[in-house]
Protein backbone atom coordinates (compact mmCIF):
# COMPACT_ATOMS: atom_id res chain seq x y z
CA UNK A 1 -179.98 -73.11 -101.01
CA UNK A 2 -178.42 -71.32 -98.05
CA UNK A 3 -178.06 -67.55 -98.02
CA UNK A 4 -175.66 -65.32 -96.11
CA UNK A 5 -176.32 -61.59 -96.13
CA UNK A 6 -173.76 -58.93 -95.25
CA UNK A 7 -172.95 -55.27 -95.72
CA UNK A 8 -175.35 -53.52 -93.39
CA UNK A 9 -174.30 -50.76 -91.07
CA UNK A 10 -174.81 -47.21 -89.89
CA UNK A 11 -174.75 -44.43 -92.46
CA UNK A 12 -175.76 -40.79 -92.56
CA UNK A 13 -178.63 -39.46 -94.62
CA UNK A 14 -177.61 -39.30 -98.26
CA UNK A 15 -174.98 -41.98 -97.88
CA UNK A 16 -174.60 -45.32 -99.61
CA UNK A 17 -174.27 -48.96 -98.69
CA UNK A 18 -173.96 -52.14 -100.69
CA UNK A 19 -175.53 -55.31 -99.37
CA UNK A 20 -174.31 -58.70 -100.51
CA UNK A 21 -175.97 -62.07 -100.30
CA UNK A 22 -173.88 -65.15 -100.95
CA UNK A 23 -175.69 -68.33 -101.90
CA UNK A 24 -174.44 -71.85 -101.44
CA UNK A 25 -174.94 -74.66 -103.90
CA UNK A 26 -174.75 -75.01 -107.64
CA UNK A 27 -178.39 -74.09 -108.36
CA UNK A 28 -178.10 -70.33 -107.84
CA UNK A 29 -179.09 -69.64 -111.44
CA UNK A 30 -182.37 -71.47 -110.88
CA UNK A 31 -183.55 -68.91 -108.36
CA UNK A 32 -184.96 -65.47 -108.63
CA UNK A 33 -183.55 -63.35 -105.84
CA UNK A 34 -185.09 -60.62 -103.76
CA UNK A 35 -184.29 -58.17 -101.03
CA UNK A 36 -186.91 -57.56 -98.39
CA UNK A 37 -186.83 -55.19 -95.45
CA UNK A 38 -188.64 -54.97 -92.16
CA UNK A 39 -188.72 -51.90 -89.97
CA UNK A 40 -189.77 -52.11 -86.31
CA UNK A 41 -193.52 -52.56 -86.01
CA UNK A 42 -193.99 -52.96 -89.75
CA UNK A 43 -194.48 -55.84 -92.12
CA UNK A 44 -191.67 -57.25 -94.18
CA UNK A 45 -191.85 -55.84 -97.71
CA UNK A 46 -190.20 -56.70 -100.99
CA UNK A 47 -187.82 -53.90 -101.91
CA UNK A 48 -186.15 -55.23 -105.04
CA UNK A 49 -186.08 -58.44 -107.04
CA UNK A 50 -184.21 -59.88 -109.96
CA UNK A 51 -185.16 -62.72 -112.25
CA UNK A 52 -183.22 -65.92 -112.71
CA UNK A 53 -181.66 -64.58 -115.91
CA UNK A 54 -180.81 -61.25 -114.33
CA UNK A 55 -182.45 -59.38 -117.18
CA UNK A 56 -185.64 -58.42 -115.34
CA UNK A 57 -185.74 -56.39 -112.16
CA UNK A 58 -188.40 -54.99 -109.89
CA UNK A 59 -188.23 -52.12 -107.41
CA UNK A 60 -190.68 -50.85 -104.86
CA UNK A 61 -191.74 -47.28 -105.57
CA UNK A 62 -190.05 -46.09 -102.41
CA UNK A 63 -186.58 -47.09 -103.66
CA UNK A 64 -186.81 -46.59 -107.43
CA UNK A 65 -183.93 -44.55 -108.75
CA UNK A 66 -181.93 -45.03 -105.53
CA UNK A 67 -181.44 -48.79 -105.19
CA UNK A 68 -180.01 -51.21 -107.73
CA UNK A 69 -180.20 -54.98 -107.54
CA UNK A 70 -177.75 -57.13 -109.47
CA UNK A 71 -176.47 -60.69 -109.48
CA UNK A 72 -173.19 -62.36 -110.28
CA UNK A 73 -173.72 -66.01 -111.13
CA UNK A 74 -169.99 -66.72 -111.17
CA UNK A 75 -169.86 -65.70 -107.50
CA UNK A 76 -173.33 -66.98 -106.53
CA UNK A 77 -174.01 -63.55 -105.10
CA UNK A 78 -176.76 -60.98 -105.33
CA UNK A 79 -176.17 -57.34 -104.45
CA UNK A 80 -178.26 -54.38 -103.43
CA UNK A 81 -176.59 -51.04 -104.04
CA UNK A 82 -178.35 -48.40 -101.95
CA UNK A 83 -177.72 -44.74 -102.67
CA UNK A 84 -179.23 -41.53 -101.30
CA UNK A 85 -180.25 -43.36 -98.15
CA UNK A 86 -182.94 -41.81 -96.00
CA UNK A 87 -183.94 -42.44 -92.37
CA UNK A 88 -187.05 -44.25 -93.60
CA UNK A 89 -184.76 -46.86 -95.19
CA UNK A 90 -183.76 -47.99 -91.69
CA UNK A 91 -184.70 -51.64 -91.35
CA UNK A 92 -183.40 -55.16 -91.22
CA UNK A 93 -182.74 -56.27 -94.78
CA UNK A 94 -183.18 -59.88 -95.83
CA UNK A 95 -182.19 -61.61 -99.01
CA UNK A 96 -184.36 -64.43 -100.25
CA UNK A 97 -184.50 -66.97 -103.05
CA UNK A 98 -187.52 -67.88 -105.15
CA UNK A 99 -187.70 -70.90 -107.41
CA UNK A 100 -190.59 -69.44 -109.38
CA UNK A 101 -191.78 -65.96 -110.32
CA UNK A 102 -189.57 -63.19 -108.98
CA UNK A 103 -192.64 -61.01 -108.33
CA UNK A 104 -194.59 -63.50 -106.26
CA UNK A 105 -193.74 -62.70 -102.68
CA UNK A 106 -194.97 -65.92 -101.12
CA UNK A 107 -192.75 -68.03 -103.37
CA UNK A 108 -189.63 -66.76 -101.62
CA UNK A 109 -188.94 -69.76 -99.43
CA UNK A 110 -185.22 -69.53 -98.70
CA UNK A 111 -184.05 -66.71 -96.47
CA UNK A 112 -180.83 -65.21 -95.24
CA UNK A 113 -180.35 -64.12 -91.65
CA UNK A 114 -180.90 -60.37 -92.14
CA UNK A 115 -178.56 -57.44 -91.90
CA UNK A 116 -179.32 -54.18 -90.10
CA UNK A 117 -179.25 -50.91 -92.01
CA UNK A 118 -179.53 -47.74 -89.95
CA UNK A 119 -179.68 -44.31 -91.54
CA UNK A 120 -179.12 -41.41 -89.17
CA UNK A 121 -180.65 -38.01 -89.79
């Protein structure tokens, strides 16, 4: 599966952005999907994930209540709605696909190209 992320940009503290990740192929429903982020000098961390069915989601503590992950199988797209953005949310955001358990980080083996999110204070 090939992934194409979009929607990043520059936003002020407290603002919102919605990231999109379009997947190619007819097997989108077979994959759990996740959004990771990597800030300069830091490791890449899983921010949010959604199961193949779309019924189960996971959020890192740092984004709970602010970010929402969703998927549209008709459009082969996964979204990350980000509200109440803070400067510490600044990072490159990557979408990824996982053919197994949505919570197992090292099973994400298909990656998009990354999209920059910058939150100004």
